[in-house]
């Protein structure tokens, strides 16, 4: 991964999301799995350089305050939910856009 302009924190939930997506692609088409990981890393580098790129999310859960969302480069169905705080990029979740992510965040 390219060095980031500030620290990165990937939550346990996001790490599990990324692993689950990778396993899905590994079963479907192994070459896509590698492309996804590369695209995810590229996306994270882009967000770290410009954390205000993503659209602000407005969910009822107060824990989501300051959260933004951005698509994984080349995998527009996959959304990175993140927060930039105190010079740190925190990756909260990586979720397929077809899922009801509002319910996911409001129930956490």
PDB file of N, CA and C in Angstrom:
ATOM      1  N   UNK A   1       0.843  -1.174   0.000  1.00  0.00           N
ATOM      2  CA  UNK A   1       0.000   0.000   0.000  1.00  0.00           C
ATOM      3  C   UNK A   1       0.887   1.235   0.000  1.00  0.00           C
ATOM      4  N   UNK A   2       0.454   2.259  -0.698  1.00  0.00           N
ATOM      5  CA  UNK A   2       1.157   3.536  -0.729  1.00  0.00           C
ATOM      6  C   UNK A   2       1.114   4.161   0.660  1.00  0.00           C
ATOM      7  N   UNK A   3       2.214   4.817   1.090  1.00  0.00           N
ATOM      8  CA  UNK A   3       2.178   5.472   2.400  1.00  0.00           C
ATOM      9  C   UNK A   3       1.052   6.503   2.465  1.00  0.00           C
ATOM     10  N   UNK A   4       0.369   6.531   3.584  1.00  0.00           N
ATOM     11  CA  UNK A   4      -0.757   7.439   3.765  1.00  0.00           C
ATOM     12  C   UNK A   4      -0.296   8.732   4.427  1.00  0.00           C
ATOM     13  N   UNK A   5      -1.006   9.834   4.154  1.00  0.00           N
ATOM     14  CA  UNK A   5      -0.623  11.112   4.757  1.00  0.00           C
ATOM     15  C   UNK A   5      -0.883  11.174   6.260  1.00  0.00           C
ATOM     16  N   UNK A   6      -1.729  10.297   6.771  1.00  0.00           N
ATOM     17  CA  UNK A   6      -1.930  10.202   8.211  1.00  0.00           C
ATOM     18  C   UNK A   6      -2.400   8.802   8.564  1.00  0.00           C
ATOM     19  N   UNK A   7      -2.416   8.456   9.855  1.00  0.00           N
ATOM     20  CA  UNK A   7      -2.709   7.078  10.274  1.00  0.00           C
ATOM     21  C   UNK A   7      -4.070   6.561   9.818  1.00  0.00           C
ATOM     22  N   UNK A   8      -4.141   5.258   9.711  1.00  0.00           N
ATOM     23  CA  UNK A   8      -5.347   4.562   9.278  1.00  0.00           C
ATOM     24  C   UNK A   8      -5.811   3.626  10.394  1.00  0.00           C
ATOM     25  N   UNK A   9      -7.103   3.649  10.664  1.00  0.00           N
ATOM     26  CA  UNK A   9      -7.706   2.740  11.637  1.00  0.00           C
ATOM     27  C   UNK A   9      -8.831   1.998  10.929  1.00  0.00           C
ATOM     28  N   UNK A  10      -8.693   0.696  10.797  1.00  0.00           N
ATOM     29  CA  UNK A  10      -9.743  -0.124  10.198  1.00  0.00           C
ATOM     30  C   UNK A  10     -10.422  -0.873  11.337  1.00  0.00           C
ATOM     31  N   UNK A  11     -11.709  -0.604  11.537  1.00  0.00           N
ATOM     32  CA  UNK A  11     -12.429  -1.250  12.638  1.00  0.00           C
ATOM     33  C   UNK A  11     -12.528  -2.754  12.397  1.00  0.00           C
ATOM     34  N   UNK A  12     -12.820  -3.478  13.452  1.00  0.00           N
ATOM     35  CA  UNK A  12     -12.995  -4.934  13.328  1.00  0.00           C
ATOM     36  C   UNK A  12     -14.110  -5.262  12.347  1.00  0.00           C
ATOM     37  N   UNK A  13     -15.178  -4.465  12.378  1.00  0.00           N
ATOM     38  CA  UNK A  13     -16.306  -4.693  11.475  1.00  0.00           C
ATOM     39  C   UNK A  13     -15.886  -4.502  10.020  1.00  0.00           C
ATOM     40  N   UNK A  14     -15.138  -3.440   9.762  1.00  0.00           N
ATOM     41  CA  UNK A  14     -14.675  -3.177   8.396  1.00  0.00           C
ATOM     42  C   UNK A  14     -13.703  -4.266   7.942  1.00  0.00           C
ATOM     43  N   UNK A  15     -12.822  -4.691   8.840  1.00  0.00           N
ATOM     44  CA  UNK A  15     -11.877  -5.755   8.496  1.00  0.00           C
ATOM     45  C   UNK A  15     -12.629  -7.037   8.128  1.00  0.00           C
ATOM     46  N   UNK A  16     -13.664  -7.347   8.891  1.00  0.00           N
ATOM     47  CA  UNK A  16     -14.484  -8.537   8.595  1.00  0.00           C
ATOM     48  C   UNK A  16     -15.218  -8.360   7.259  1.00  0.00           C
ATOM     49  N   UNK A  17     -15.709  -7.139   6.991  1.00  0.00           N
ATOM     50  CA  UNK A  17     -16.379  -6.862   5.712  1.00  0.00           C
ATOM     51  C   UNK A  17     -15.436  -7.116   4.545  1.00  0.00           C
ATOM     52  N   UNK A  18     -14.222  -6.590   4.653  1.00  0.00           N
ATOM     53  CA  UNK A  18     -13.229  -6.707   3.574  1.00  0.00           C
ATOM     54  C   UNK A  18     -12.879  -8.178   3.346  1.00  0.00           C
ATOM     55  N   UNK A  19     -12.703  -8.908   4.435  1.00  0.00           N
ATOM     56  CA  UNK A  19     -12.386 -10.335   4.323  1.00  0.00           C
ATOM     57  C   UNK A  19     -13.534 -11.095   3.652  1.00  0.00           C
ATOM     58  N   UNK A  20     -14.767 -10.794   4.055  1.00  0.00           N
ATOM     59  CA  UNK A  20     -15.937 -11.451   3.476  1.00  0.00           C
ATOM     60  C   UNK A  20     -16.057 -11.164   1.974  1.00  0.00           C
ATOM     61  N   UNK A  21     -15.819  -9.923   1.589  1.00  0.00           N
ATOM     62  CA  UNK A  21     -15.874  -9.554   0.166  1.00  0.00           C
ATOM     63  C   UNK A  21     -14.777 -10.286  -0.603  1.00  0.00           C
ATOM     64  N   UNK A  22     -13.574 -10.328  -0.035  1.00  0.00           N
ATOM     65  CA  UNK A  22     -12.467 -11.029  -0.680  1.00  0.00           C
ATOM     66  C   UNK A  22     -12.766 -12.503  -0.870  1.00  0.00           C
ATOM     67  N   UNK A  23     -13.341 -13.134   0.151  1.00  0.00           N
ATOM     68  CA  UNK A  23     -13.695 -14.554   0.037  1.00  0.00           C
ATOM     69  C   UNK A  23     -14.766 -14.780  -1.024  1.00  0.00           C
ATOM     70  N   UNK A  24     -15.717 -13.874  -1.097  1.00  0.00           N
ATOM     71  CA  UNK A  24     -16.755 -13.974  -2.126  1.00  0.00           C
ATOM     72  C   UNK A  24     -16.118 -13.944  -3.519  1.00  0.00           C
ATOM     73  N   UNK A  25     -15.232 -12.962  -3.741  1.00  0.00           N
ATOM     74  CA  UNK A  25     -14.586 -12.867  -5.051  1.00  0.00           C
ATOM     75  C   UNK A  25     -13.662 -14.048  -5.311  1.00  0.00           C
ATOM     76  N   UNK A  26     -13.002 -14.561  -4.290  1.00  0.00           N
ATOM     77  CA  UNK A  26     -12.111 -15.717  -4.458  1.00  0.00           C
ATOM     78  C   UNK A  26     -12.889 -16.925  -4.968  1.00  0.00           C
ATOM     79  N   UNK A  27     -14.115 -17.093  -4.487  1.00  0.00           N
ATOM     80  CA  UNK A  27     -14.949 -18.208  -4.947  1.00  0.00           C
ATOM     81  C   UNK A  27     -15.483 -17.976  -6.356  1.00  0.00           C
ATOM     82  N   UNK A  28     -15.751 -16.719  -6.681  1.00  0.00           N
ATOM     83  CA  UNK A  28     -16.339 -16.391  -7.981  1.00  0.00           C
ATOM     84  C   UNK A  28     -15.275 -16.306  -9.084  1.00  0.00           C
ATOM     85  N   UNK A  29     -14.230 -15.537  -8.822  1.00  0.00           N
ATOM     86  CA  UNK A  29     -13.170 -15.308  -9.812  1.00  0.00           C
ATOM     87  C   UNK A  29     -11.939 -14.767  -9.083  1.00  0.00           C
ATOM     88  N   UNK A  30     -10.935 -15.613  -8.834  1.00  0.00           N
ATOM     89  CA  UNK A  30      -9.754 -15.204  -8.064  1.00  0.00           C
ATOM     90  C   UNK A  30      -9.056 -13.943  -8.573  1.00  0.00           C
ATOM     91  N   UNK A  31      -9.066 -13.711  -9.875  1.00  0.00           N
ATOM     92  CA  UNK A  31      -8.413 -12.501 -10.383  1.00  0.00           C
ATOM     93  C   UNK A  31      -9.159 -11.247  -9.930  1.00  0.00           C
ATOM     94  N   UNK A  32     -10.464 -11.367  -9.752  1.00  0.00           N
ATOM     95  CA  UNK A  32     -11.267 -10.232  -9.285  1.00  0.00           C
ATOM     96  C   UNK A  32     -10.951  -9.941  -7.818  1.00  0.00           C
ATOM     97  N   UNK A  33     -10.695 -10.979  -7.043  1.00  0.00           N
ATOM     98  CA  UNK A  33     -10.333 -10.789  -5.635  1.00  0.00           C
ATOM     99  C   UNK A  33      -9.120  -9.874  -5.519  1.00  0.00           C
ATOM    100  N   UNK A  34      -8.078 -10.156  -6.271  1.00  0.00           N
ATOM    101  CA  UNK A  34      -6.863  -9.336  -6.217  1.00  0.00           C
ATOM    102  C   UNK A  34      -7.142  -7.916  -6.692  1.00  0.00           C
ATOM    103  N   UNK A  35      -7.920  -7.788  -7.763  1.00  0.00           N
ATOM    104  CA  UNK A  35      -8.271  -6.451  -8.264  1.00  0.00           C
ATOM    105  C   UNK A  35      -9.050  -5.663  -7.213  1.00  0.00           C
ATOM    106  N   UNK A  36      -9.937  -6.347  -6.484  1.00  0.00           N
ATOM    107  CA  UNK A  36     -10.699  -5.664  -5.442  1.00  0.00           C
ATOM    108  C   UNK A  36      -9.759  -5.124  -4.362  1.00  0.00           C
ATOM    109  N   UNK A  37      -8.837  -5.958  -3.872  1.00  0.00           N
ATOM    110  CA  UNK A  37      -7.923  -5.515  -2.823  1.00  0.00           C
ATOM    111  C   UNK A  37      -7.075  -4.324  -3.292  1.00  0.00           C
ATOM    112  N   UNK A  38      -6.599  -4.383  -4.524  1.00  0.00           N
ATOM    113  CA  UNK A  38      -5.825  -3.261  -5.067  1.00  0.00           C
ATOM    114  C   UNK A  38      -6.685  -2.007  -5.173  1.00  0.00           C
ATOM    115  N   UNK A  39      -7.918  -2.168  -5.636  1.00  0.00           N
ATOM    116  CA  UNK A  39      -8.830  -1.029  -5.767  1.00  0.00           C
ATOM    117  C   UNK A  39      -9.181  -0.450  -4.397  1.00  0.00           C
ATOM    118  N   UNK A  40      -9.373  -1.324  -3.419  1.00  0.00           N
ATOM    119  CA  UNK A  40      -9.678  -0.853  -2.064  1.00  0.00           C
ATOM    120  C   UNK A  40      -8.505  -0.033  -1.525  1.00  0.00           C
ATOM    121  N   UNK A  41      -7.291  -0.542  -1.693  1.00  0.00           N
ATOM    122  CA  UNK A  41      -6.106   0.194  -1.229  1.00  0.00           C
ATOM    123  C   UNK A  41      -5.986   1.546  -1.926  1.00  0.00           C
ATOM    124  N   UNK A  42      -6.245   1.574  -3.221  1.00  0.00           N
ATOM    125  CA  UNK A  42      -6.197   2.830  -3.979  1.00  0.00           C
ATOM    126  C   UNK A  42      -7.242   3.814  -3.439  1.00  0.00           C
ATOM    127  N   UNK A  43      -8.426   3.308  -3.158  1.00  0.00           N
ATOM    128  CA  UNK A  43      -9.504   4.143  -2.619  1.00  0.00           C
ATOM    129  C   UNK A  43      -9.120   4.724  -1.268  1.00  0.00           C
ATOM    130  N   UNK A  44      -8.544   3.904  -0.401  1.00  0.00           N
ATOM    131  CA  UNK A  44      -8.143   4.358   0.929  1.00  0.00           C
ATOM    132  C   UNK A  44      -7.084   5.443   0.824  1.00  0.00           C
ATOM    133  N   UNK A  45      -6.129   5.265  -0.071  1.00  0.00           N
ATOM    134  CA  UNK A  45      -5.098   6.289  -0.273  1.00  0.00           C
ATOM    135  C   UNK A  45      -5.721   7.597  -0.743  1.00  0.00           C
ATOM    136  N   UNK A  46      -6.675   7.487  -1.641  1.00  0.00           N
ATOM    137  CA  UNK A  46      -7.366   8.683  -2.154  1.00  0.00           C
ATOM    138  C   UNK A  46      -8.130   9.387  -1.035  1.00  0.00           C
ATOM    139  N   UNK A  47      -8.840   8.614  -0.213  1.00  0.00           N
ATOM    140  CA  UNK A  47      -9.592   9.208   0.893  1.00  0.00           C
ATOM    141  C   UNK A  47      -8.670   9.812   1.943  1.00  0.00           C
ATOM    142  N   UNK A  48      -7.546   9.183   2.182  1.00  0.00           N
ATOM    143  CA  UNK A  48      -6.593   9.723   3.152  1.00  0.00           C
ATOM    144  C   UNK A  48      -6.029  11.058   2.677  1.00  0.00           C
ATOM    145  N   UNK A  49      -5.850  11.188   1.363  1.00  0.00           N
ATOM    146  CA  UNK A  49      -5.340  12.443   0.802  1.00  0.00           C
ATOM    147  C   UNK A  49      -6.404  13.529   0.759  1.00  0.00           C
ATOM    148  N   UNK A  50      -7.664  13.116   0.572  1.00  0.00           N
ATOM    149  CA  UNK A  50      -8.782  14.071   0.466  1.00  0.00           C
ATOM    150  C   UNK A  50      -9.984  13.522   1.238  1.00  0.00           C
ATOM    151  N   UNK A  51      -9.933  13.566   2.554  1.00  0.00           N
ATOM    152  CA  UNK A  51     -10.980  12.928   3.353  1.00  0.00           C
ATOM    153  C   UNK A  51     -12.379  13.531   3.194  1.00  0.00           C
ATOM    154  N   UNK A  52     -12.481  14.715   2.632  1.00  0.00           N
ATOM    155  CA  UNK A  52     -13.795  15.331   2.443  1.00  0.00           C
ATOM    156  C   UNK A  52     -14.467  14.918   1.136  1.00  0.00           C
ATOM    157  N   UNK A  53     -13.859  13.992   0.398  1.00  0.00           N
ATOM    158  CA  UNK A  53     -14.436  13.548  -0.874  1.00  0.00           C
ATOM    159  C   UNK A  53     -15.818  12.935  -0.708  1.00  0.00           C
ATOM    160  N   UNK A  54     -15.976  12.122   0.281  1.00  0.00           N
ATOM    161  CA  UNK A  54     -17.219  11.374   0.450  1.00  0.00           C
ATOM    162  C   UNK A  54     -18.395  12.235   0.861  1.00  0.00           C
ATOM    163  N   UNK A  55     -19.563  11.706   0.572  1.00  0.00           N
ATOM    164  CA  UNK A  55     -20.804  12.372   0.948  1.00  0.00           C
ATOM    165  C   UNK A  55     -21.086  12.116   2.430  1.00  0.00           C
ATOM    166  N   UNK A  56     -21.548  13.141   3.128  1.00  0.00           N
ATOM    167  CA  UNK A  56     -21.900  12.987   4.541  1.00  0.00           C
ATOM    168  C   UNK A  56     -23.105  12.060   4.675  1.00  0.00           C
ATOM    169  N   UNK A  57     -23.039  11.179   5.662  1.00  0.00           N
ATOM    170  CA  UNK A  57     -24.145  10.267   5.954  1.00  0.00           C
ATOM    171  C   UNK A  57     -24.949  10.839   7.111  1.00  0.00           C
ATOM    172  N   UNK A  58     -26.228  10.694   7.014  1.00  0.00           N
ATOM    173  CA  UNK A  58     -27.096  11.164   8.089  1.00  0.00           C
ATOM    174  C   UNK A  58     -28.022  10.029   8.510  1.00  0.00           C
ATOM    175  N   UNK A  59     -27.587   9.332   9.538  1.00  0.00           N
ATOM    176  CA  UNK A  59     -28.379   8.252  10.097  1.00  0.00           C
ATOM    177  C   UNK A  59     -28.813   8.663  11.498  1.00  0.00           C
ATOM    178  N   UNK A  60     -29.802   7.975  12.027  1.00  0.00           N
ATOM    179  CA  UNK A  60     -30.317   8.312  13.367  1.00  0.00           C
ATOM    180  C   UNK A  60     -29.306   8.018  14.468  1.00  0.00           C
ATOM    181  N   UNK A  61     -28.505   6.993  14.293  1.00  0.00           N
ATOM    182  CA  UNK A  61     -27.554   6.587  15.321  1.00  0.00           C
ATOM    183  C   UNK A  61     -26.505   7.680  15.531  1.00  0.00           C
ATOM    184  N   UNK A  62     -26.397   8.241  16.749  1.00  0.00           N
ATOM    185  CA  UNK A  62     -25.419   9.307  16.991  1.00  0.00           C
ATOM    186  C   UNK A  62     -23.965   8.852  16.816  1.00  0.00           C
ATOM    187  N   UNK A  63     -23.725   7.535  16.850  1.00  0.00           N
ATOM    188  CA  UNK A  63     -22.363   7.018  16.648  1.00  0.00           C
ATOM    189  C   UNK A  63     -21.865   7.264  15.224  1.00  0.00           C
ATOM    190  N   UNK A  64     -22.782   7.564  14.320  1.00  0.00           N
ATOM    191  CA  UNK A  64     -22.400   7.764  12.920  1.00  0.00           C
ATOM    192  C   UNK A  64     -22.089   9.229  12.608  1.00  0.00           C
ATOM    193  N   UNK A  65     -22.104  10.079  13.613  1.00  0.00           N
ATOM    194  CA  UNK A  65     -21.820  11.502  13.393  1.00  0.00           C
ATOM    195  C   UNK A  65     -20.450  11.675  12.719  1.00  0.00           C
ATOM    196  N   UNK A  66     -20.425  12.469  11.668  1.00  0.00           N
ATOM    197  CA  UNK A  66     -19.188  12.731  10.943  1.00  0.00           C
ATOM    198  C   UNK A  66     -18.815  11.660   9.933  1.00  0.00           C
ATOM    199  N   UNK A  67     -19.663  10.660   9.781  1.00  0.00           N
ATOM    200  CA  UNK A  67     -19.361   9.564   8.858  1.00  0.00           C
ATOM    201  C   UNK A  67     -19.626   9.994   7.415  1.00  0.00           C
ATOM    202  N   UNK A  68     -18.784   9.502   6.528  1.00  0.00           N
ATOM    203  CA  UNK A  68     -18.910   9.772   5.100  1.00  0.00           C
ATOM    204  C   UNK A  68     -18.908   8.448   4.346  1.00  0.00           C
ATOM    205  N   UNK A  69     -19.301   8.515   3.072  1.00  0.00           N
ATOM    206  CA  UNK A  69     -19.331   7.306   2.248  1.00  0.00           C
ATOM    207  C   UNK A  69     -18.715   7.614   0.888  1.00  0.00           C
ATOM    208  N   UNK A  70     -17.982   6.621   0.341  1.00  0.00           N
ATOM    209  CA  UNK A  70     -17.341   6.742  -0.960  1.00  0.00           C
ATOM    210  C   UNK A  70     -17.279   5.360  -1.591  1.00  0.00           C
ATOM    211  N   UNK A  71     -17.402   5.296  -2.908  1.00  0.00           N
ATOM    212  CA  UNK A  71     -17.340   4.023  -3.620  1.00  0.00           C
ATOM    213  C   UNK A  71     -15.900   3.531  -3.763  1.00  0.00           C
ATOM    214  N   UNK A  72     -15.742   2.205  -3.735  1.00  0.00           N
ATOM    215  CA  UNK A  72     -14.437   1.604  -4.018  1.00  0.00           C
ATOM    216  C   UNK A  72     -14.175   1.796  -5.517  1.00  0.00           C
ATOM    217  N   UNK A  73     -13.018   2.340  -5.853  1.00  0.00           N
ATOM    218  CA  UNK A  73     -12.662   2.589  -7.257  1.00  0.00           C
ATOM    219  C   UNK A  73     -12.794   1.321  -8.090  1.00  0.00           C
ATOM    220  N   UNK A  74     -13.607   1.396  -9.151  1.00  0.00           N
ATOM    221  CA  UNK A  74     -13.774   0.256 -10.038  1.00  0.00           C
ATOM    222  C   UNK A  74     -14.766  -0.794  -9.535  1.00  0.00           C
ATOM    223  N   UNK A  75     -15.242  -0.640  -8.325  1.00  0.00           N
ATOM    224  CA  UNK A  75     -16.219  -1.548  -7.724  1.00  0.00           C
ATOM    225  C   UNK A  75     -17.311  -0.694  -7.093  1.00  0.00           C
ATOM    226  N   UNK A  76     -18.030   0.014  -7.921  1.00  0.00           N
ATOM    227  CA  UNK A  76     -18.959   1.041  -7.443  1.00  0.00           C
ATOM    228  C   UNK A  76     -20.101   0.501  -6.593  1.00  0.00           C
ATOM    229  N   UNK A  77     -20.327  -0.806  -6.613  1.00  0.00           N
ATOM    230  CA  UNK A  77     -21.353  -1.379  -5.738  1.00  0.00           C
ATOM    231  C   UNK A  77     -20.894  -1.488  -4.288  1.00  0.00           C
ATOM    232  N   UNK A  78     -19.601  -1.343  -4.051  1.00  0.00           N
ATOM    233  CA  UNK A  78     -19.055  -1.464  -2.706  1.00  0.00           C
ATOM    234  C   UNK A  78     -18.745  -0.086  -2.157  1.00  0.00           C
ATOM    235  N   UNK A  79     -19.277   0.177  -0.972  1.00  0.00           N
ATOM    236  CA  UNK A  79     -19.181   1.491  -0.356  1.00  0.00           C
ATOM    237  C   UNK A  79     -18.300   1.450   0.881  1.00  0.00           C
ATOM    238  N   UNK A  80     -17.412   2.427   0.978  1.00  0.00           N
ATOM    239  CA  UNK A  80     -16.551   2.571   2.146  1.00  0.00           C
ATOM    240  C   UNK A  80     -17.180   3.635   3.037  1.00  0.00           C
ATOM    241  N   UNK A  81     -17.521   3.250   4.243  1.00  0.00           N
ATOM    242  CA  UNK A  81     -18.041   4.188   5.233  1.00  0.00           C
ATOM    243  C   UNK A  81     -16.875   4.525   6.157  1.00  0.00           C
ATOM    244  N   UNK A  82     -16.589   5.801   6.286  1.00  0.00           N
ATOM    245  CA  UNK A  82     -15.395   6.211   7.005  1.00  0.00           C
ATOM    246  C   UNK A  82     -15.620   7.528   7.735  1.00  0.00           C
ATOM    247  N   UNK A  83     -14.659   7.842   8.569  1.00  0.00           N
ATOM    248  CA  UNK A  83     -14.662   9.098   9.312  1.00  0.00           C
ATOM    249  C   UNK A  83     -13.218   9.594   9.355  1.00  0.00           C
ATOM    250  N   UNK A  84     -13.055  10.880   9.227  1.00  0.00           N
ATOM    251  CA  UNK A  84     -11.742  11.505   9.376  1.00  0.00           C
ATOM    252  C   UNK A  84     -11.787  12.342  10.645  1.00  0.00           C
ATOM    253  N   UNK A  85     -10.918  11.991  11.582  1.00  0.00           N
ATOM    254  CA  UNK A  85     -10.943  12.687  12.864  1.00  0.00           C
ATOM    255  C   UNK A  85      -9.544  12.728  13.457  1.00  0.00           C
ATOM    256  N   UNK A  86      -9.159  13.903  13.930  1.00  0.00           N
ATOM    257  CA  UNK A  86      -7.863  14.072  14.589  1.00  0.00           C
ATOM    258  C   UNK A  86      -6.717  13.498  13.755  1.00  0.00           C
ATOM    259  N   UNK A  87      -6.691  13.864  12.469  1.00  0.00           N
ATOM    260  CA  UNK A  87      -5.634  13.405  11.555  1.00  0.00           C
ATOM    261  C   UNK A  87      -5.540  11.889  11.462  1.00  0.00           C
ATOM    262  N   UNK A  88      -6.689  11.231  11.525  1.00  0.00           N
ATOM    263  CA  UNK A  88      -6.741   9.780  11.345  1.00  0.00           C
ATOM    264  C   UNK A  88      -7.927   9.443  10.452  1.00  0.00           C
ATOM    265  N   UNK A  89      -7.718   8.519   9.533  1.00  0.00           N
ATOM    266  CA  UNK A  89      -8.792   8.021   8.692  1.00  0.00           C
ATOM    267  C   UNK A  89      -9.276   6.715   9.314  1.00  0.00           C
ATOM    268  N   UNK A  90     -10.537   6.694   9.726  1.00  0.00           N
ATOM    269  CA  UNK A  90     -11.111   5.508  10.348  1.00  0.00           C
ATOM    270  C   UNK A  90     -12.097   4.874   9.372  1.00  0.00           C
ATOM    271  N   UNK A  91     -11.807   3.647   8.971  1.00  0.00           N
ATOM    272  CA  UNK A  91     -12.685   2.896   8.093  1.00  0.00           C
ATOM    273  C   UNK A  91     -13.661   2.130   8.987  1.00  0.00           C
ATOM    274  N   UNK A  92     -14.950   2.474   8.873  1.00  0.00           N
ATOM    275  CA  UNK A  92     -15.960   1.907   9.759  1.00  0.00           C
ATOM    276  C   UNK A  92     -16.569   0.625   9.209  1.00  0.00           C
ATOM    277  N   UNK A  93     -16.937   0.638   7.932  1.00  0.00           N
ATOM    278  CA  UNK A  93     -17.529  -0.532   7.283  1.00  0.00           C
ATOM    279  C   UNK A  93     -17.255  -0.461   5.790  1.00  0.00           C
ATOM    280  N   UNK A  94     -17.307  -1.608   5.120  1.00  0.00           N
ATOM    281  CA  UNK A  94     -17.262  -1.704   3.661  1.00  0.00           C
ATOM    282  C   UNK A  94     -18.435  -2.599   3.303  1.00  0.00           C
ATOM    283  N   UNK A  95     -19.449  -2.020   2.661  1.00  0.00           N
ATOM    284  CA  UNK A  95     -20.732  -2.707   2.492  1.00  0.00           C
ATOM    285  C   UNK A  95     -21.198  -2.615   1.044  1.00  0.00           C
ATOM    286  N   UNK A  96     -21.782  -3.692   0.557  1.00  0.00           N
ATOM    287  CA  UNK A  96     -22.376  -3.682  -0.782  1.00  0.00           C
ATOM    288  C   UNK A  96     -23.555  -2.720  -0.765  1.00  0.00           C
ATOM    289  N   UNK A  97     -23.662  -1.910  -1.796  1.00  0.00           N
ATOM    290  CA  UNK A  97     -24.691  -0.889  -1.872  1.00  0.00           C
ATOM    291  C   UNK A  97     -26.110  -1.417  -1.901  1.00  0.00           C
ATOM    292  N   UNK A  98     -26.305  -2.689  -2.232  1.00  0.00           N
ATOM    293  CA  UNK A  98     -27.648  -3.265  -2.265  1.00  0.00           C
ATOM    294  C   UNK A  98     -28.159  -3.606  -0.865  1.00  0.00           C
ATOM    295  N   UNK A  99     -27.251  -3.652   0.090  1.00  0.00           N
ATOM    296  CA  UNK A  99     -27.670  -3.958   1.460  1.00  0.00           C
ATOM    297  C   UNK A  99     -28.346  -2.736   2.076  1.00  0.00           C
ATOM    298  N   UNK A 100     -29.149  -2.955   3.073  1.00  0.00           N
ATOM    299  CA  UNK A 100     -29.823  -1.852   3.756  1.00  0.00           C
ATOM    300  C   UNK A 100     -28.868  -1.303   4.819  1.00  0.00           C
ATOM    301  N   UNK A 101     -27.907  -0.504   4.376  1.00  0.00           N
ATOM    302  CA  UNK A 101     -26.870  -0.030   5.287  1.00  0.00           C
ATOM    303  C   UNK A 101     -27.410   0.966   6.309  1.00  0.00           C
ATOM    304  N   UNK A 102     -28.492   1.657   5.993  1.00  0.00           N
ATOM    305  CA  UNK A 102     -29.082   2.555   6.992  1.00  0.00           C
ATOM    306  C   UNK A 102     -29.540   1.749   8.209  1.00  0.00           C
ATOM    307  N   UNK A 103     -30.176   0.623   7.969  1.00  0.00           N
ATOM    308  CA  UNK A 103     -30.602  -0.248   9.065  1.00  0.00           C
ATOM    309  C   UNK A 103     -29.386  -0.793   9.816  1.00  0.00           C
ATOM    310  N   UNK A 104     -28.346  -1.168   9.083  1.00  0.00           N
ATOM    311  CA  UNK A 104     -27.134  -1.691   9.718  1.00  0.00           C
ATOM    312  C   UNK A 104     -26.575  -0.678  10.704  1.00  0.00           C
ATOM    313  N   UNK A 105     -26.446   0.578  10.281  1.00  0.00           N
ATOM    314  CA  UNK A 105     -25.864   1.600  11.146  1.00  0.00           C
ATOM    315  C   UNK A 105     -26.817   2.032  12.266  1.00  0.00           C
ATOM    316  N   UNK A 106     -28.083   2.059  11.991  1.00  0.00           N
ATOM    317  CA  UNK A 106     -29.030   2.471  13.023  1.00  0.00           C
ATOM    318  C   UNK A 106     -29.198   1.410  14.110  1.00  0.00           C
ATOM    319  N   UNK A 107     -28.837   0.163  13.807  1.00  0.00           N
ATOM    320  CA  UNK A 107     -28.956  -0.915  14.786  1.00  0.00           C
ATOM    321  C   UNK A 107     -27.659  -1.212  15.517  1.00  0.00           C
ATOM    322  N   UNK A 108     -26.582  -0.559  15.156  1.00  0.00           N
ATOM    323  CA  UNK A 108     -25.293  -0.817  15.825  1.00  0.00           C
ATOM    324  C   UNK A 108     -25.200  -0.050  17.125  1.00  0.00           C
TER     325      UNK A 108
END
